[in-house]
Amino acid sequence: MTRILVMSSGVMVWALHFTAIYGITGLACARGWQSLVLPSIMVATAIAAIASVSIIAAGLRRRAEFEYWMSTSIAALGLVAIVWEALAAFMVPICT
């Protein structure tokens, strides 16, 4: 069970980020708090990026073991997805 949690930690960070930014955006748009959307997304993205980088760093220290190699790779892909989601906030109008 521990190995599965270690390998899926990058996906869990990405899923939490995805849920947080879209939940915050939906709530803020429904309540008329458009000015809070972008700062909230930036904070959530910074927290998720730090978590992903720490998973990657831990995996690189123990790269000989399969589950750490796998968690590093998945966390790196999750980091790309996190950045990609955050970029949407800068390219698409918020609360239209």
C-alpha atoms as a PDB file:
ATOM      1  CA  MET A   1       0.000   0.000   0.000  1.00  0.00           C
ATOM      2  CA  THR A   2       2.847   2.382   0.818  1.00  0.00           C
ATOM      3  CA  ARG A   3       4.433   1.810  -2.579  1.00  0.00           C
ATOM      4  CA  ILE A   4       1.192   2.682  -4.345  1.00  0.00           C
ATOM      5  CA  LEU A   5       0.878   5.898  -2.324  1.00  0.00           C
ATOM      6  CA  VAL A   6       4.492   6.830  -3.072  1.00  0.00           C
ATOM      7  CA  MET A   7       4.072   6.220  -6.796  1.00  0.00           C
ATOM      8  CA  SER A   8       0.772   8.090  -7.019  1.00  0.00           C
ATOM      9  CA  SER A   9       1.804  11.081  -4.901  1.00  0.00           C
ATOM     10  CA  GLY A  10       2.430  13.256  -7.991  1.00  0.00           C
ATOM     11  CA  VAL A  11      -1.033  12.492  -9.341  1.00  0.00           C
ATOM     12  CA  MET A  12      -2.572  13.279  -5.965  1.00  0.00           C
ATOM     13  CA  VAL A  13      -0.851  16.676  -5.876  1.00  0.00           C
ATOM     14  CA  TRP A  14      -2.077  17.417  -9.401  1.00  0.00           C
ATOM     15  CA  ALA A  15      -5.643  16.309  -8.556  1.00  0.00           C
ATOM     16  CA  LEU A  16      -5.721  18.481  -5.439  1.00  0.00           C
ATOM     17  CA  HIS A  17      -4.448  21.455  -7.450  1.00  0.00           C
ATOM     18  CA  PHE A  18      -7.022  20.844 -10.182  1.00  0.00           C
ATOM     19  CA  THR A  19      -9.847  20.608  -7.654  1.00  0.00           C
ATOM     20  CA  ALA A  20      -8.669  23.665  -5.732  1.00  0.00           C
ATOM     21  CA  ILE A  21      -8.274  26.040  -8.645  1.00  0.00           C
ATOM     22  CA  TYR A  22     -11.514  25.106 -10.357  1.00  0.00           C
ATOM     23  CA  GLY A  23     -13.407  25.050  -7.053  1.00  0.00           C
ATOM     24  CA  ILE A  24     -12.025  28.441  -6.065  1.00  0.00           C
ATOM     25  CA  THR A  25     -12.809  29.868  -9.500  1.00  0.00           C
ATOM     26  CA  GLY A  26     -16.370  28.538  -9.457  1.00  0.00           C
ATOM     27  CA  LEU A  27     -17.044  29.796  -5.957  1.00  0.00           C
ATOM     28  CA  ALA A  28     -15.453  33.191  -6.552  1.00  0.00           C
ATOM     29  CA  CYS A  29     -17.327  33.714  -9.816  1.00  0.00           C
ATOM     30  CA  ALA A  30     -20.626  32.716  -8.220  1.00  0.00           C
ATOM     31  CA  ARG A  31     -20.096  35.125  -5.315  1.00  0.00           C
ATOM     32  CA  GLY A  32     -18.760  38.018  -7.393  1.00  0.00           C
ATOM     33  CA  TRP A  33     -15.216  37.835  -6.010  1.00  0.00           C
ATOM     34  CA  GLN A  34     -13.424  37.958  -9.377  1.00  0.00           C
ATOM     35  CA  SER A  35     -10.463  39.834  -7.902  1.00  0.00           C
ATOM     36  CA  LEU A  36      -9.602  36.840  -5.695  1.00  0.00           C
ATOM     37  CA  VAL A  37      -9.402  34.286  -8.490  1.00  0.00           C
ATOM     38  CA  LEU A  38      -5.957  35.037  -9.913  1.00  0.00           C
ATOM     39  CA  PRO A  39      -4.134  35.431  -6.558  1.00  0.00           C
ATOM     40  CA  SER A  40      -5.757  32.233  -5.287  1.00  0.00           C
ATOM     41  CA  ILE A  41      -4.699  30.314  -8.384  1.00  0.00           C
ATOM     42  CA  MET A  42      -1.160  31.635  -8.050  1.00  0.00           C
ATOM     43  CA  VAL A  43      -0.940  30.554  -4.391  1.00  0.00           C
ATOM     44  CA  ALA A  44      -2.414  27.110  -5.110  1.00  0.00           C
ATOM     45  CA  THR A  45      -0.034  26.677  -8.032  1.00  0.00           C
ATOM     46  CA  ALA A  46       2.982  27.662  -5.936  1.00  0.00           C
ATOM     47  CA  ILE A  47       2.036  25.184  -3.207  1.00  0.00           C
ATOM     48  CA  ALA A  48       1.429  22.380  -5.716  1.00  0.00           C
ATOM     49  CA  ALA A  49       4.661  23.143  -7.586  1.00  0.00           C
ATOM     50  CA  ILE A  50       6.675  23.065  -4.347  1.00  0.00           C
ATOM     51  CA  ALA A  51       5.070  19.742  -3.402  1.00  0.00           C
ATOM     52  CA  SER A  52       5.791  18.277  -6.851  1.00  0.00           C
ATOM     53  CA  VAL A  53       9.392  19.480  -6.833  1.00  0.00           C
ATOM     54  CA  SER A  54       9.919  17.968  -3.377  1.00  0.00           C
ATOM     55  CA  ILE A  55       8.546  14.619  -4.619  1.00  0.00           C
ATOM     56  CA  ILE A  56      10.871  14.828  -7.620  1.00  0.00           C
ATOM     57  CA  ALA A  57      13.857  15.679  -5.413  1.00  0.00           C
ATOM     58  CA  ALA A  58      13.113  12.803  -3.040  1.00  0.00           C
ATOM     59  CA  GLY A  59      12.778  10.423  -5.966  1.00  0.00           C
ATOM     60  CA  LEU A  60      16.053  11.552  -7.499  1.00  0.00           C
ATOM     61  CA  ARG A  61      17.885  10.848  -4.247  1.00  0.00           C
ATOM     62  CA  ARG A  62      16.614   7.239  -4.288  1.00  0.00           C
ATOM     63  CA  ARG A  63      16.396   6.675  -8.034  1.00  0.00           C
ATOM     64  CA  ALA A  64      17.660   3.088  -7.922  1.00  0.00           C
ATOM     65  CA  GLU A  65      14.360   1.858  -6.525  1.00  0.00           C
ATOM     66  CA  PHE A  66      11.535   1.397  -9.027  1.00  0.00           C
ATOM     67  CA  GLU A  67       8.762   3.095  -7.037  1.00  0.00           C
ATOM     68  CA  TYR A  68      10.868   6.223  -6.555  1.00  0.00           C
ATOM     69  CA  TRP A  69      11.762   6.335 -10.236  1.00  0.00           C
ATOM     70  CA  MET A  70       8.075   5.997 -11.030  1.00  0.00           C
ATOM     71  CA  SER A  71       7.014   8.644  -8.503  1.00  0.00           C
ATOM     72  CA  THR A  72       9.639  11.035  -9.925  1.00  0.00           C
ATOM     73  CA  SER A  73       8.378  10.552 -13.465  1.00  0.00           C
ATOM     74  CA  ILE A  74       4.725  10.903 -12.518  1.00  0.00           C
ATOM     75  CA  ALA A  75       5.423  13.976 -10.364  1.00  0.00           C
ATOM     76  CA  ALA A  76       7.316  15.575 -13.266  1.00  0.00           C
ATOM     77  CA  LEU A  77       4.336  15.001 -15.555  1.00  0.00           C
ATOM     78  CA  GLY A  78       2.046  16.323 -12.830  1.00  0.00           C
ATOM     79  CA  LEU A  79       4.189  19.452 -12.557  1.00  0.00           C
ATOM     80  CA  VAL A  80       3.767  20.057 -16.285  1.00  0.00           C
ATOM     81  CA  ALA A  81      -0.006  19.655 -15.889  1.00  0.00           C
ATOM     82  CA  ILE A  82      -0.047  22.031 -12.903  1.00  0.00           C
ATOM     83  CA  VAL A  83       1.779  24.734 -14.841  1.00  0.00           C
ATOM     84  CA  TRP A  84      -0.454  24.165 -17.886  1.00  0.00           C
ATOM     85  CA  GLU A  85      -3.600  24.592 -15.769  1.00  0.00           C
ATOM     86  CA  ALA A  86      -2.263  27.769 -14.181  1.00  0.00           C
ATOM     87  CA  LEU A  87      -1.472  29.262 -17.576  1.00  0.00           C
ATOM     88  CA  ALA A  88      -5.138  29.002 -18.512  1.00  0.00           C
ATOM     89  CA  ALA A  89      -5.941  31.619 -15.847  1.00  0.00           C
ATOM     90  CA  PHE A  90      -3.746  34.104 -17.698  1.00  0.00           C
ATOM     91  CA  MET A  91      -5.026  33.271 -21.197  1.00  0.00           C
ATOM     92  CA  VAL A  92      -8.781  32.895 -20.675  1.00  0.00           C
ATOM     93  CA  PRO A  93     -11.080  35.600 -19.294  1.00  0.00           C
ATOM     94  CA  ILE A  94     -12.140  34.839 -15.741  1.00  0.00           C
ATOM     95  CA  CYS A  95     -15.827  34.742 -14.795  1.00  0.00           C
ATOM     96  CA  THR A  96     -17.326  35.527 -18.178  1.00  0.00           C
END
